[in-house]
Amino acid sequence: MSAVIIGATGGIGRALVEELHARGWFQSIHALSRSGGGEWPDGVTPGKIDILDEESIEAAAARVKKDGPVELCIIAAGILSDGDALQPEKSWRHQSMEAYERVFRLNTFGPGLVAKHFLPLMPRGERAVFAALSARVGSIGDNGFGGWHAYRASKAALNMLIRNFAIEWTRKSEESICVGLHPGTVDTGLSKPFQGNVPDKQLFTPQQSAGYLLDVIGKLTPADTGKVFDWQAEVIEP
């Protein structure tokens, strides 16, 4: 069996690859990213994927398929801000079609198409986990502050897709698990501009977060499919 990490050159993605390798859970790990590069230890195979391009996703899945069934697939790609070009909205007045399209394409549509091409690589009748990094701010019930319209909505939509995929996949394999994962606030480029009010003890290194997330994954059962969990294995309400 093999594992696939998509977004493997990002902060959390790289840490997930390294922690998976250290734990020795899999014979092979596919570290997929837009660049397709990086220096990796033995047993880790780099590869290209652009989750905004379905042909690229399909080609990556075809390469991975040659290495046998995929027991774990984690999507660790996403966007929150990009300098002056993209910032979370503080008011409905700041909404724009350009921001919605960019954020939804990377946070929602891309992961959806990854599922289309990678779920068929996962074994039936055996435990297999498909996970995507989501966010607590994607919870409708837990939203007490508002704002961040495109990002919140894109993660809420991603959580709905996860639920949909879980229902469909369970019909094919009762041992399947499809979940969203909230990694906490992690010291990466994505969260860097928004760390000012985060206490030090609540700001994780990528390595800490990766370890917590893999601990959560290791304890999941089919009864957990379709849910979103935080780094402490607590369920985040829809």
Protein backbone atom coordinates (compact mmCIF):
# COMPACT_ATOMS: atom_id res chain seq x y z
CA MET A 1 0.00 0.00 0.00
CA SER A 2 1.08 3.56 -0.60
CA ALA A 3 0.24 7.04 0.68
CA VAL A 4 -0.28 10.24 -1.29
CA ILE A 5 0.25 13.77 0.01
CA ILE A 6 -0.95 16.53 -2.32
CA GLY A 7 0.60 19.92 -1.64
CA ALA A 8 3.77 18.21 -0.44
CA THR A 9 6.08 21.21 -0.74
CA GLY A 10 3.92 23.41 1.50
CA GLY A 11 4.58 23.73 5.21
CA ILE A 12 2.07 21.17 6.47
CA GLY A 13 2.35 18.98 3.38
CA ARG A 14 6.11 18.56 3.72
CA ALA A 15 5.78 17.87 7.43
CA LEU A 16 3.14 15.20 6.71
CA VAL A 17 5.46 13.47 4.24
CA GLU A 18 8.36 13.55 6.66
CA GLU A 19 6.29 12.32 9.61
CA LEU A 20 4.74 9.53 7.55
CA HIS A 21 8.18 8.44 6.45
CA ALA A 22 9.46 8.50 10.03
CA ARG A 23 6.55 6.37 11.23
CA GLY A 24 7.11 3.77 8.53
CA TRP A 25 3.43 3.15 7.91
CA PHE A 26 3.80 2.72 4.15
CA GLN A 27 6.20 1.14 1.72
CA SER A 28 5.97 4.14 -0.56
CA ILE A 29 4.85 7.76 -0.24
CA HIS A 30 4.00 9.97 -3.20
CA ALA A 31 4.85 13.62 -2.54
CA LEU A 32 2.83 15.52 -5.14
CA SER A 33 3.07 19.26 -5.75
CA ARG A 34 2.88 21.84 -8.53
CA SER A 35 6.67 21.91 -8.81
CA GLY A 36 7.03 18.15 -8.56
CA GLY A 37 10.40 18.63 -6.88
CA GLY A 38 12.00 18.66 -3.48
CA GLU A 39 14.64 16.57 -1.76
CA TRP A 40 13.12 13.48 -0.20
CA PRO A 41 14.40 10.37 1.59
CA ASP A 42 14.27 6.90 0.11
CA GLY A 43 10.73 5.63 -0.22
CA VAL A 44 9.33 9.04 -1.11
CA THR A 45 8.55 9.66 -4.78
CA PRO A 46 8.03 13.26 -5.90
CA GLY A 47 5.56 14.03 -8.66
CA LYS A 48 3.74 16.89 -10.32
CA ILE A 49 0.11 17.78 -9.83
CA ASP A 50 -1.86 20.96 -10.40
CA ILE A 51 -5.22 20.62 -8.70
CA LEU A 52 -6.56 23.47 -10.83
CA ASP A 53 -6.00 21.37 -13.96
CA GLU A 54 -8.02 18.16 -14.23
CA GLU A 55 -5.70 16.71 -16.88
CA SER A 56 -2.80 17.14 -14.45
CA ILE A 57 -4.79 15.43 -11.68
CA GLU A 58 -5.70 12.53 -13.98
CA ALA A 59 -2.08 12.13 -15.10
CA ALA A 60 -0.82 12.13 -11.52
CA ALA A 61 -3.38 9.49 -10.56
CA ALA A 62 -2.26 7.32 -13.47
CA ARG A 63 1.36 7.49 -12.30
CA VAL A 64 0.44 6.70 -8.71
CA LYS A 65 -1.73 3.77 -9.79
CA LYS A 66 1.35 1.96 -11.10
CA ASP A 67 2.64 1.77 -7.52
CA GLY A 68 -0.39 -0.17 -6.26
CA PRO A 69 -3.42 0.70 -4.12
CA VAL A 70 -3.50 3.95 -2.16
CA GLU A 71 -4.39 3.47 1.49
CA LEU A 72 -4.06 7.11 2.50
CA CYS A 73 -4.58 10.29 0.47
CA ILE A 74 -4.31 13.72 2.08
CA ILE A 75 -4.92 17.02 0.30
CA ALA A 76 -2.81 19.67 2.01
CA ALA A 77 -3.26 22.49 -0.50
CA GLY A 78 -5.29 25.64 -0.06
CA ILE A 79 -5.30 29.44 -0.09
CA LEU A 80 -6.36 32.15 2.34
CA SER A 81 -4.49 35.26 1.19
CA ASP A 82 -1.94 36.44 -1.34
CA GLY A 83 -0.53 39.83 -0.46
CA ASP A 84 -2.47 42.79 -1.83
CA ALA A 85 -4.05 40.60 -4.52
CA LEU A 86 -6.15 38.57 -2.08
CA GLN A 87 -7.12 39.21 1.53
CA PRO A 88 -9.93 37.74 3.69
CA GLU A 89 -12.93 40.04 3.54
CA LYS A 90 -13.74 42.00 6.70
CA SER A 91 -17.11 43.10 5.32
CA TRP A 92 -19.59 42.16 2.60
CA ARG A 93 -18.43 45.37 0.89
CA HIS A 94 -15.08 43.74 0.15
CA GLN A 95 -16.43 40.78 -1.80
CA SER A 96 -15.34 40.25 -5.40
CA MET A 97 -16.01 37.66 -8.06
CA GLU A 98 -12.28 37.33 -8.66
CA ALA A 99 -11.62 36.42 -5.02
CA TYR A 100 -14.50 33.95 -4.88
CA GLU A 101 -13.34 32.19 -8.04
CA ARG A 102 -9.72 31.97 -6.95
CA VAL A 103 -10.44 30.73 -3.42
CA PHE A 104 -13.13 28.23 -4.42
CA ARG A 105 -11.03 26.81 -7.27
CA LEU A 106 -8.17 25.93 -4.94
CA ASN A 107 -10.01 25.15 -1.70
CA THR A 108 -13.09 23.37 -3.05
CA PHE A 109 -13.17 22.54 -6.75
CA GLY A 110 -9.60 21.21 -6.90
CA PRO A 111 -10.04 18.80 -3.96
CA GLY A 112 -13.33 17.65 -5.49
CA LEU A 113 -11.59 16.67 -8.72
CA VAL A 114 -8.78 15.02 -6.78
CA ALA A 115 -11.42 12.79 -5.20
CA LYS A 116 -12.79 11.97 -8.65
CA HIS A 117 -9.47 10.54 -9.79
CA PHE A 118 -7.88 9.26 -6.57
CA LEU A 119 -10.78 7.56 -4.76
CA PRO A 120 -10.84 4.84 -7.48
CA LEU A 121 -7.21 4.01 -6.55
CA MET A 122 -8.15 3.14 -2.99
CA PRO A 123 -8.87 -0.47 -2.01
CA ARG A 124 -12.38 -1.78 -1.38
CA GLY A 125 -13.07 -3.96 1.60
CA GLU A 126 -10.03 -2.62 3.45
CA ARG A 127 -9.46 0.42 5.62
CA ALA A 128 -8.51 3.41 3.49
CA VAL A 129 -8.54 7.10 4.37
CA PHE A 130 -9.17 10.08 2.09
CA ALA A 131 -8.68 13.39 3.90
CA ALA A 132 -8.58 17.07 3.00
CA LEU A 133 -7.35 19.91 5.18
CA SER A 134 -10.36 21.99 6.10
CA ALA A 135 -10.78 24.69 8.76
CA ARG A 136 -12.85 25.39 11.84
CA VAL A 137 -14.02 28.63 10.22
CA GLY A 138 -15.81 26.47 7.64
CA SER A 139 -18.33 25.49 10.31
CA ILE A 140 -21.65 27.28 9.89
CA GLY A 141 -22.80 26.47 13.41
CA ASP A 142 -19.52 27.62 14.98
CA ASN A 143 -19.41 30.93 13.11
CA GLY A 144 -19.74 33.70 15.67
CA PHE A 145 -17.60 36.38 14.04
CA GLY A 146 -18.54 36.57 10.36
CA GLY A 147 -16.19 37.93 7.75
CA TRP A 148 -13.70 35.99 5.63
CA HIS A 149 -16.57 35.28 3.26
CA ALA A 150 -14.80 33.48 0.41
CA TYR A 151 -12.56 31.38 2.67
CA ARG A 152 -15.32 30.39 5.09
CA ALA A 153 -17.71 29.54 2.27
CA SER A 154 -15.08 27.55 0.36
CA LYS A 155 -14.32 25.40 3.40
CA ALA A 156 -18.01 24.93 4.22
CA ALA A 157 -18.51 23.75 0.64
CA LEU A 158 -15.48 21.47 0.93
CA ASN A 159 -17.01 19.93 4.06
CA MET A 160 -20.20 19.24 2.12
CA LEU A 161 -18.21 17.52 -0.63
CA ILE A 162 -16.45 15.40 1.98
CA ARG A 163 -19.82 14.32 3.33
CA ASN A 164 -21.05 13.53 -0.19
CA PHE A 165 -17.96 11.49 -1.04
CA ALA A 166 -18.21 9.61 2.25
CA ILE A 167 -21.79 8.56 1.52
CA GLU A 168 -21.00 7.40 -2.01
CA TRP A 169 -17.76 5.66 -1.09
CA THR A 170 -19.36 3.78 1.80
CA ARG A 171 -21.74 2.16 -0.70
CA LYS A 172 -18.68 0.74 -2.47
CA SER A 173 -16.56 -0.03 0.59
CA GLU A 174 -17.82 -0.22 4.16
CA GLU A 175 -14.27 0.16 5.49
CA SER A 176 -13.74 3.52 3.78
CA ILE A 177 -13.13 6.75 5.67
CA CYS A 178 -13.46 10.22 4.16
CA VAL A 179 -12.87 13.18 6.48
CA GLY A 180 -11.93 16.81 6.75
CA LEU A 181 -9.10 17.79 9.09
CA HIS A 182 -8.51 21.09 10.87
CA PRO A 183 -4.76 21.36 11.57
CA GLY A 184 -4.98 24.18 14.10
CA THR A 185 -3.16 27.45 13.57
CA VAL A 186 0.16 26.47 12.03
CA ASP A 187 3.21 28.64 11.53
CA THR A 188 3.15 28.62 7.72
CA GLY A 189 2.89 31.21 4.98
CA LEU A 190 -0.88 30.75 4.88
CA SER A 191 -1.41 31.88 8.48
CA LYS A 192 1.60 34.22 8.85
CA PRO A 193 -0.35 37.49 8.35
CA PHE A 194 -3.00 36.43 10.89
CA GLN A 195 -0.92 35.17 13.82
CA GLY A 196 -0.90 38.39 15.83
CA ASN A 197 -3.58 37.35 18.34
CA VAL A 198 -2.65 33.67 18.54
CA PRO A 199 -1.01 32.63 21.85
CA ASP A 200 2.34 30.90 21.40
CA LYS A 201 1.07 27.64 22.83
CA GLN A 202 -1.74 27.60 20.23
CA LEU A 203 0.58 28.26 17.29
CA PHE A 204 1.94 24.94 16.06
CA THR A 205 4.98 24.17 14.02
CA PRO A 206 4.20 22.21 10.85
CA GLN A 207 5.83 19.18 12.46
CA GLN A 208 3.59 19.40 15.53
CA SER A 209 0.46 19.73 13.43
CA ALA A 210 1.45 16.86 11.14
CA GLY A 211 2.01 14.61 14.14
CA TYR A 212 -1.35 15.51 15.64
CA LEU A 213 -3.17 14.95 12.34
CA LEU A 214 -1.58 11.55 11.76
CA ASP A 215 -2.49 10.56 15.31
CA VAL A 216 -6.11 11.47 14.50
CA ILE A 217 -5.99 9.54 11.22
CA GLY A 218 -4.56 6.50 12.95
CA LYS A 219 -7.57 6.29 15.26
CA LEU A 220 -10.34 6.87 12.71
CA THR A 221 -12.92 4.17 12.07
CA PRO A 222 -15.57 3.86 9.35
CA ALA A 223 -18.08 5.31 11.82
CA ASP A 224 -16.18 8.60 11.54
CA THR A 225 -16.54 8.97 7.79
CA GLY A 226 -18.08 12.19 6.51
CA LYS A 227 -17.09 14.23 9.56
CA VAL A 228 -14.58 17.01 10.13
CA PHE A 229 -12.09 16.65 12.99
CA ASP A 230 -9.68 19.09 14.56
CA TRP A 231 -6.13 18.28 15.57
CA GLN A 232 -7.36 17.03 18.96
CA ALA A 233 -9.72 14.52 17.28
CA GLU A 234 -12.75 16.57 18.31
CA VAL A 235 -15.61 16.74 15.82
CA ILE A 236 -16.27 20.17 14.33
CA GLU A 237 -19.98 20.83 13.91
CA PRO A 238 -21.29 21.44 10.37
